[in-house]
């Protein structure tokens, strides 16, 4: 049975159309499967280049006798780590780092939560105050170091001048260990409290208002609302702030470096941090880049351990701290949330019905 040219052309056209459909379907499935990975690929590529590669390369350098100027030397294994752990200055730097970290991070988080609660209240000029708390963050660390260096100067400092006026002895801010740590922690708190405040404030504004309304109806005061609603709802944000504060506090460098003109951490290294000790090993007189890399890896491991401990501790505190709502109060809050959702659904359906009534008759029949 012979086919006419018209029917053959129709069959060929149909086959081409089917091939196009199959090809576009395969492209669609490929797009769905591959596109998400392509969207996030730039971040991972950038992280691999500027994050993962330096960590791996630092580990490679730490197991070699490496001079900052001369370059790579012999393979020494873990000898650089053994030498660092046997150095007295490493433990001095470790003590100073933990001391400054505790004096800065703990008050910083507490003040940030308190300031965020105040800025979240109904106060006048809220935008002005919210912008004001962020201003210290945009100030250059060098400028902050110079200003606070003058405030905490031993002989002509502002604070010692005030103390002398009231008949008190001046404080050796650059001589005493705890005094120098307190001064440096004040610089850190000045710069970073406002930044953490705005992060916590954004999280507070995302808390549903119906939770507070239900608590008010139940008779809960502001303090009860703060501990029973605000703090539990801020748990993920508090964990984030604590972890980032831990990482930044253990890596502190700018503030202690700018605390005096020499930038060595004091005559007896009374405020030298681990990062300053790393800098002294790698770019100081020793030029021991291998030992500096070993210090960097030890600091990395310390930060990982403390970040995990802070995460676990913060989760426990935020989940169990403060007065808790009773079972009846929780049931009332859930019922209030259900009522709010039902009202929102009713409003949406009513709005949709009004929109359909306003449509012309032809479009209404099609819809």
Protein backbone atom coordinates (compact mmCIF):
# COMPACT_ATOMS: atom_id res chain seq x y z
CA UNK A 1 0.00 0.00 0.00
CA UNK A 2 1.60 3.27 -1.17
CA UNK A 3 1.53 6.51 0.73
CA UNK A 4 0.89 9.88 -0.82
CA UNK A 5 3.50 12.65 -0.53
CA UNK A 6 1.13 14.70 1.63
CA UNK A 7 0.70 11.94 4.22
CA UNK A 8 4.47 11.24 4.26
CA UNK A 9 5.12 14.91 4.89
CA UNK A 10 2.56 14.89 7.70
CA UNK A 11 4.20 11.86 9.32
CA UNK A 12 7.62 13.48 9.08
CA UNK A 13 6.28 16.67 10.66
CA UNK A 14 4.68 14.68 13.47
CA UNK A 15 7.92 12.81 14.13
CA UNK A 16 9.84 16.10 14.26
CA UNK A 17 7.31 17.53 16.69
CA UNK A 18 7.55 14.44 18.90
CA UNK A 19 11.35 14.69 18.91
CA UNK A 20 11.13 18.36 19.88
CA UNK A 21 8.72 17.53 22.70
CA UNK A 22 10.97 14.74 24.00
CA UNK A 23 14.02 16.98 23.73
CA UNK A 24 12.33 19.85 25.58
CA UNK A 25 11.07 17.41 28.22
CA UNK A 26 14.61 16.11 28.78
CA UNK A 27 15.88 19.67 29.00
CA UNK A 28 13.15 20.50 31.50
CA UNK A 29 14.03 17.53 33.71
CA UNK A 30 17.73 18.41 33.43
CA UNK A 31 16.96 22.00 34.35
CA UNK A 32 15.00 20.95 37.44
CA UNK A 33 17.76 18.56 38.52
CA UNK A 34 20.80 20.76 37.81
CA UNK A 35 19.62 24.36 38.30
CA UNK A 36 19.57 24.32 42.14
CA UNK A 37 23.19 23.18 42.21
CA UNK A 38 24.20 25.84 39.70
CA UNK A 39 22.53 28.53 41.83
CA UNK A 40 24.52 27.60 44.94
CA UNK A 41 27.74 26.70 43.08
CA UNK A 42 29.25 30.25 43.21
CA UNK A 43 29.23 30.22 47.01
CA UNK A 44 30.93 26.83 47.25
CA UNK A 45 33.47 27.74 44.59
CA UNK A 46 34.28 30.97 46.43
CA UNK A 47 34.44 29.14 49.76
CA UNK A 48 36.77 26.51 48.29
CA UNK A 49 39.11 29.21 46.95
CA UNK A 50 39.26 31.62 49.89
CA UNK A 51 38.16 29.34 52.75
CA UNK A 52 38.92 25.66 52.30
CA UNK A 53 42.16 25.97 50.34
CA UNK A 54 43.87 28.27 52.91
CA UNK A 55 42.95 25.84 55.71
CA UNK A 56 44.41 22.87 53.83
CA UNK A 57 47.47 24.82 52.74
CA UNK A 58 48.07 26.04 56.31
CA UNK A 59 47.99 22.42 57.48
CA UNK A 60 50.58 21.58 54.80
CA UNK A 61 52.82 24.46 55.91
CA UNK A 62 52.48 23.53 59.60
CA UNK A 63 54.21 20.18 59.10
CA UNK A 64 57.25 21.74 57.36
CA UNK A 65 60.20 23.84 58.44
CA UNK A 66 59.02 26.94 56.61
CA UNK A 67 60.70 30.35 56.62
CA UNK A 68 58.62 33.37 55.69
CA UNK A 69 61.39 34.65 53.41
CA UNK A 70 63.30 31.47 52.49
CA UNK A 71 60.24 29.38 51.75
CA UNK A 72 59.63 25.66 52.22
CA UNK A 73 62.13 23.56 54.15
CA UNK A 74 62.26 19.99 55.39
CA UNK A 75 59.26 17.95 56.47
CA UNK A 76 59.14 17.93 60.30
CA UNK A 77 55.77 16.31 60.97
CA UNK A 78 54.20 17.45 64.24
CA UNK A 79 57.40 18.98 65.60
CA UNK A 80 56.09 22.54 65.10
CA UNK A 81 53.05 21.69 67.23
CA UNK A 82 55.28 20.17 69.92
CA UNK A 83 57.49 23.27 69.94
CA UNK A 84 54.50 25.59 70.22
CA UNK A 85 52.92 23.61 73.04
CA UNK A 86 56.23 23.83 74.89
CA UNK A 87 56.43 27.63 74.60
CA UNK A 88 55.45 29.68 77.65
CA UNK A 89 54.25 32.58 75.52
CA UNK A 90 51.65 30.39 73.85
CA UNK A 91 49.92 29.79 77.18
CA UNK A 92 50.21 33.48 78.09
CA UNK A 93 48.53 34.35 74.79
CA UNK A 94 45.91 31.67 75.41
CA UNK A 95 45.14 33.08 78.87
CA UNK A 96 44.90 36.62 77.53
CA UNK A 97 42.64 35.58 74.66
CA UNK A 98 40.18 33.74 76.92
CA UNK A 99 40.17 36.57 79.45
CA UNK A 100 39.43 39.26 76.86
CA UNK A 101 36.88 36.98 75.21
CA UNK A 102 34.93 36.45 78.45
CA UNK A 103 35.11 40.14 79.40
CA UNK A 104 33.77 41.17 76.00
CA UNK A 105 31.45 38.48 74.65
CA UNK A 106 29.36 37.76 77.76
CA UNK A 107 28.46 41.41 78.58
CA UNK A 108 28.13 42.11 74.87
CA UNK A 109 25.37 39.53 74.31
CA UNK A 110 23.54 40.56 77.50
CA UNK A 111 23.66 44.26 76.57
CA UNK A 112 22.59 43.47 72.98
CA UNK A 113 19.48 41.59 74.16
CA UNK A 114 18.59 44.40 76.59
CA UNK A 115 19.10 47.15 73.99
CA UNK A 116 17.10 45.21 71.38
CA UNK A 117 14.21 44.89 73.84
CA UNK A 118 14.30 48.65 74.49
CA UNK A 119 14.48 49.53 70.80
CA UNK A 120 11.61 47.14 70.08
CA UNK A 121 9.37 49.02 72.51
CA UNK A 122 7.17 51.94 71.54
CA UNK A 123 9.67 54.78 72.08
CA UNK A 124 10.07 58.09 70.33
CA UNK A 125 12.57 58.47 67.46
CA UNK A 126 13.07 54.71 67.16
CA UNK A 127 14.78 55.02 63.77
CA UNK A 128 17.27 57.53 65.18
CA UNK A 129 18.21 55.28 68.09
CA UNK A 130 18.44 52.20 65.87
CA UNK A 131 20.82 54.00 63.56
CA UNK A 132 22.75 55.35 66.53
CA UNK A 133 23.58 51.95 68.00
CA UNK A 134 25.16 50.91 64.67
CA UNK A 135 27.46 53.92 64.34
CA UNK A 136 30.33 52.45 66.43
CA UNK A 137 30.38 49.43 64.11
CA UNK A 138 31.22 51.53 61.05
CA UNK A 139 34.11 53.29 62.82
CA UNK A 140 37.50 51.94 61.73
CA UNK A 141 39.19 49.66 64.31
CA UNK A 142 42.33 51.79 64.13
CA UNK A 143 40.36 54.91 65.06
CA UNK A 144 38.68 53.06 67.94
CA UNK A 145 42.06 51.85 69.16
CA UNK A 146 43.54 55.35 69.09
CA UNK A 147 40.56 56.89 70.89
CA UNK A 148 40.43 54.26 73.62
CA UNK A 149 44.20 54.34 73.90
CA UNK A 150 43.90 57.96 74.96
CA UNK A 151 40.97 57.25 77.26
CA UNK A 152 42.86 54.46 79.02
CA UNK A 153 46.30 56.09 78.98
CA UNK A 154 48.28 55.55 82.19
CA UNK A 155 49.52 59.11 82.73
CA UNK A 156 47.21 61.44 80.81
CA UNK A 157 44.15 59.29 80.24
CA UNK A 158 40.61 60.53 80.70
CA UNK A 159 39.61 57.83 83.20
CA UNK A 160 42.71 58.25 85.36
CA UNK A 161 42.15 62.01 85.29
CA UNK A 162 38.63 61.55 86.63
CA UNK A 163 39.90 59.13 89.28
CA UNK A 164 42.51 61.63 90.44
CA UNK A 165 39.83 64.31 90.78
CA UNK A 166 37.86 62.15 93.21
CA UNK A 167 40.98 61.26 95.18
CA UNK A 168 41.54 57.73 93.88
CA UNK A 169 44.81 56.23 92.70
CA UNK A 170 45.31 55.93 88.93
CA UNK A 171 45.02 52.52 87.33
CA UNK A 172 47.86 51.04 85.30
CA UNK A 173 45.81 50.21 82.23
CA UNK A 174 48.93 49.18 80.28
CA UNK A 175 50.74 47.52 83.21
CA UNK A 176 48.13 45.47 85.04
CA UNK A 177 46.91 42.31 83.31
CA UNK A 178 43.23 42.50 84.24
CA UNK A 179 43.05 46.28 83.69
CA UNK A 180 44.46 45.95 80.17
CA UNK A 181 42.04 43.14 79.37
CA UNK A 182 39.13 45.23 80.65
CA UNK A 183 40.18 48.20 78.50
CA UNK A 184 40.50 46.07 75.36
CA UNK A 185 37.16 44.37 76.08
CA UNK A 186 35.59 47.84 76.33
CA UNK A 187 36.77 48.57 72.79
CA UNK A 188 35.30 45.31 71.53
CA UNK A 189 31.98 45.96 73.26
CA UNK A 190 31.89 49.51 71.87
CA UNK A 191 32.24 48.25 68.30
CA UNK A 192 30.14 45.09 68.26
CA UNK A 193 27.26 45.58 70.72
CA UNK A 194 25.24 47.67 68.26
CA UNK A 195 25.75 45.16 65.46
CA UNK A 196 24.44 42.28 67.58
CA UNK A 197 21.62 44.51 68.86
CA UNK A 198 20.24 45.03 65.35
CA UNK A 199 20.41 41.29 64.61
CA UNK A 200 18.44 40.52 67.78
CA UNK A 201 16.05 43.41 67.09
CA UNK A 202 15.22 41.99 63.65
CA UNK A 203 14.50 38.63 65.26
CA UNK A 204 12.28 40.27 67.91
CA UNK A 205 10.22 42.02 65.25
CA UNK A 206 9.58 38.66 63.57
CA UNK A 207 7.91 37.26 66.71
CA UNK A 208 4.12 37.00 66.12
CA UNK A 209 2.27 39.73 67.99
CA UNK A 210 -0.64 37.39 68.81
CA UNK A 211 1.64 35.59 71.28
CA UNK A 212 2.01 38.79 73.29
CA UNK A 213 -1.71 39.56 72.95
CA UNK A 214 -2.64 36.15 74.33
CA UNK A 215 -0.17 36.60 77.18
CA UNK A 216 -1.63 40.03 78.02
CA UNK A 217 -5.14 38.59 78.07
CA UNK A 218 -3.85 35.90 80.41
CA UNK A 219 -2.47 38.59 82.73
CA UNK A 220 1.28 38.20 82.04
CA UNK A 221 3.40 41.27 82.70
CA UNK A 222 6.27 42.60 80.59
CA UNK A 223 8.92 40.66 82.52
CA UNK A 224 6.92 37.42 82.19
CA UNK A 225 6.40 38.05 78.48
CA UNK A 226 10.13 38.70 78.02
CA UNK A 227 11.23 35.43 79.65
CA UNK A 228 8.36 33.22 78.46
CA UNK A 229 7.92 34.48 74.89
CA UNK A 230 10.79 36.71 73.72
CA UNK A 231 13.77 34.69 74.91
CA UNK A 232 12.46 31.28 73.71
CA UNK A 233 11.54 32.77 70.33
CA UNK A 234 15.03 34.30 70.05
CA UNK A 235 16.77 30.98 70.67
CA UNK A 236 18.15 30.46 67.12
CA UNK A 237 19.30 34.08 66.90
CA UNK A 238 20.94 33.99 70.34
CA UNK A 239 22.79 30.82 69.33
CA UNK A 240 23.97 32.55 66.14
CA UNK A 241 25.12 35.66 68.01
CA UNK A 242 26.93 33.63 70.67
CA UNK A 243 28.73 31.49 68.08
CA UNK A 244 29.80 34.48 65.97
CA UNK A 245 30.90 36.33 69.11
CA UNK A 246 32.94 33.29 70.13
CA UNK A 247 34.65 33.08 66.75
CA UNK A 248 35.36 36.81 66.67
CA UNK A 249 36.44 36.96 70.30
CA UNK A 250 39.00 34.17 69.94
CA UNK A 251 40.38 35.77 66.75
CA UNK A 252 40.72 39.25 68.23
CA UNK A 253 43.68 41.16 66.79
CA UNK A 254 42.96 44.80 65.89
CA UNK A 255 42.03 46.12 69.33
CA UNK A 256 44.98 44.69 71.33
CA UNK A 257 47.36 45.50 68.48
CA UNK A 258 46.34 49.18 68.57
CA UNK A 259 46.25 49.45 72.36
CA UNK A 260 49.77 50.90 72.45
CA UNK A 261 52.28 52.26 69.95
CA UNK A 262 54.52 49.17 69.85
CA UNK A 263 51.74 46.71 69.07
CA UNK A 264 53.50 43.80 70.79
CA UNK A 265 50.98 43.11 73.55
CA UNK A 266 52.81 44.89 76.37
CA UNK A 267 56.31 44.69 77.80
CA UNK A 268 55.64 41.30 79.39
CA UNK A 269 53.00 40.37 76.78
CA UNK A 270 50.25 40.96 79.33
CA UNK A 271 47.60 41.49 76.62
CA UNK A 272 49.12 39.58 73.69
CA UNK A 273 46.45 37.34 72.11
CA UNK A 274 46.91 34.15 70.10
CA UNK A 275 46.58 35.99 66.79
CA UNK A 276 49.22 38.49 67.90
CA UNK A 277 51.47 35.60 68.90
CA UNK A 278 50.88 34.04 65.47
CA UNK A 279 51.82 37.34 63.81
CA UNK A 280 54.96 37.61 65.94
CA UNK A 281 56.09 34.11 64.94
CA UNK A 282 55.40 34.46 61.23
CA UNK A 283 56.33 38.09 60.58
CA UNK A 284 58.46 38.99 63.59
CA UNK A 285 62.14 38.29 64.15
CA UNK A 286 61.80 34.50 63.88
CA UNK A 287 60.08 34.41 60.46
CA UNK A 288 58.92 30.89 61.44
CA UNK A 289 55.99 30.49 59.11
CA UNK A 290 55.65 26.78 59.91
CA UNK A 291 55.20 27.46 63.62
CA UNK A 292 52.80 30.30 62.86
CA UNK A 293 50.71 27.88 60.77
CA UNK A 294 50.73 25.41 63.66
CA UNK A 295 49.39 28.16 65.94
CA UNK A 296 46.70 28.93 63.35
CA UNK A 297 45.58 25.31 63.31
CA UNK A 298 45.55 25.10 67.10
CA UNK A 299 43.41 28.26 67.17
CA UNK A 300 41.08 26.74 64.57
CA UNK A 301 40.58 23.62 66.69
CA UNK A 302 40.02 25.71 69.84
CA UNK A 303 37.38 27.80 68.05
CA UNK A 304 35.57 24.68 66.80
CA UNK A 305 35.50 23.16 70.30
CA UNK A 306 34.31 26.37 71.98
CA UNK A 307 31.71 27.04 69.27
CA UNK A 308 30.23 23.56 69.85
CA UNK A 309 30.25 24.03 73.62
CA UNK A 310 28.61 27.44 73.31
CA UNK A 311 26.00 26.01 70.97
CA UNK A 312 25.05 23.24 73.40
CA UNK A 313 25.12 25.52 76.44
CA UNK A 314 23.08 28.26 74.76
CA UNK A 315 20.46 25.82 73.61
CA UNK A 316 20.06 24.43 77.12
CA UNK A 317 19.86 27.89 78.73
CA UNK A 318 17.45 29.33 76.17
CA UNK A 319 15.16 26.30 76.35
CA UNK A 320 15.05 26.07 80.14
CA UNK A 321 15.67 29.60 81.38
CA UNK A 322 13.01 31.86 82.86
CA UNK A 323 9.47 31.16 84.03
CA UNK A 324 7.41 28.84 81.86
CA UNK A 325 3.80 29.05 80.76
CA UNK A 326 1.37 26.58 82.28
CA UNK A 327 -0.42 23.96 80.21
CA UNK A 328 -3.62 26.01 80.22
CA UNK A 329 -1.75 29.13 79.09
CA UNK A 330 -0.10 27.22 76.24
CA UNK A 331 -3.51 25.87 75.17
CA UNK A 332 -4.94 29.40 75.19
CA UNK A 333 -2.05 30.67 73.05
CA UNK A 334 -2.57 27.84 70.55
CA UNK A 335 -6.30 28.54 70.39
CA UNK A 336 -5.59 32.22 69.86
CA UNK A 337 -3.25 31.34 67.00
CA UNK A 338 -5.91 29.12 65.42
CA UNK A 339 -8.50 31.91 65.68
CA UNK A 340 -6.12 34.36 64.01
CA UNK A 341 -5.45 31.92 61.15
CA UNK A 342 -9.17 31.29 60.68
CA UNK A 343 -9.85 35.03 60.54
CA UNK A 344 -7.09 35.47 57.97
CA UNK A 345 -8.50 32.66 55.80
CA UNK A 346 -12.00 34.16 56.06
CA UNK A 347 -10.67 37.58 55.04
CA UNK A 348 -8.85 36.10 52.03
CA UNK A 349 -11.93 34.16 50.87
CA UNK A 350 -14.13 37.23 51.29
CA UNK A 351 -11.67 39.35 49.32
CA UNK A 352 -11.56 36.73 46.55
CA UNK A 353 -15.37 36.60 46.33
CA UNK A 354 -15.55 40.41 46.10
CA UNK A 355 -12.99 40.39 43.31
CA UNK A 356 -15.04 37.80 41.38
CA UNK A 357 -18.20 39.90 41.76
CA UNK A 358 -16.41 42.94 40.32
CA UNK A 359 -15.34 41.01 37.20
CA UNK A 360 -17.38 41.34 33.96
CA UNK A 361 -19.92 38.61 33.25
CA UNK A 362 -17.81 36.99 30.48
CA UNK A 363 -14.67 36.77 32.65
CA UNK A 364 -16.74 35.62 35.65
CA UNK A 365 -18.13 32.68 33.65
CA UNK A 366 -14.62 31.71 32.48
CA UNK A 367 -13.27 31.85 36.07
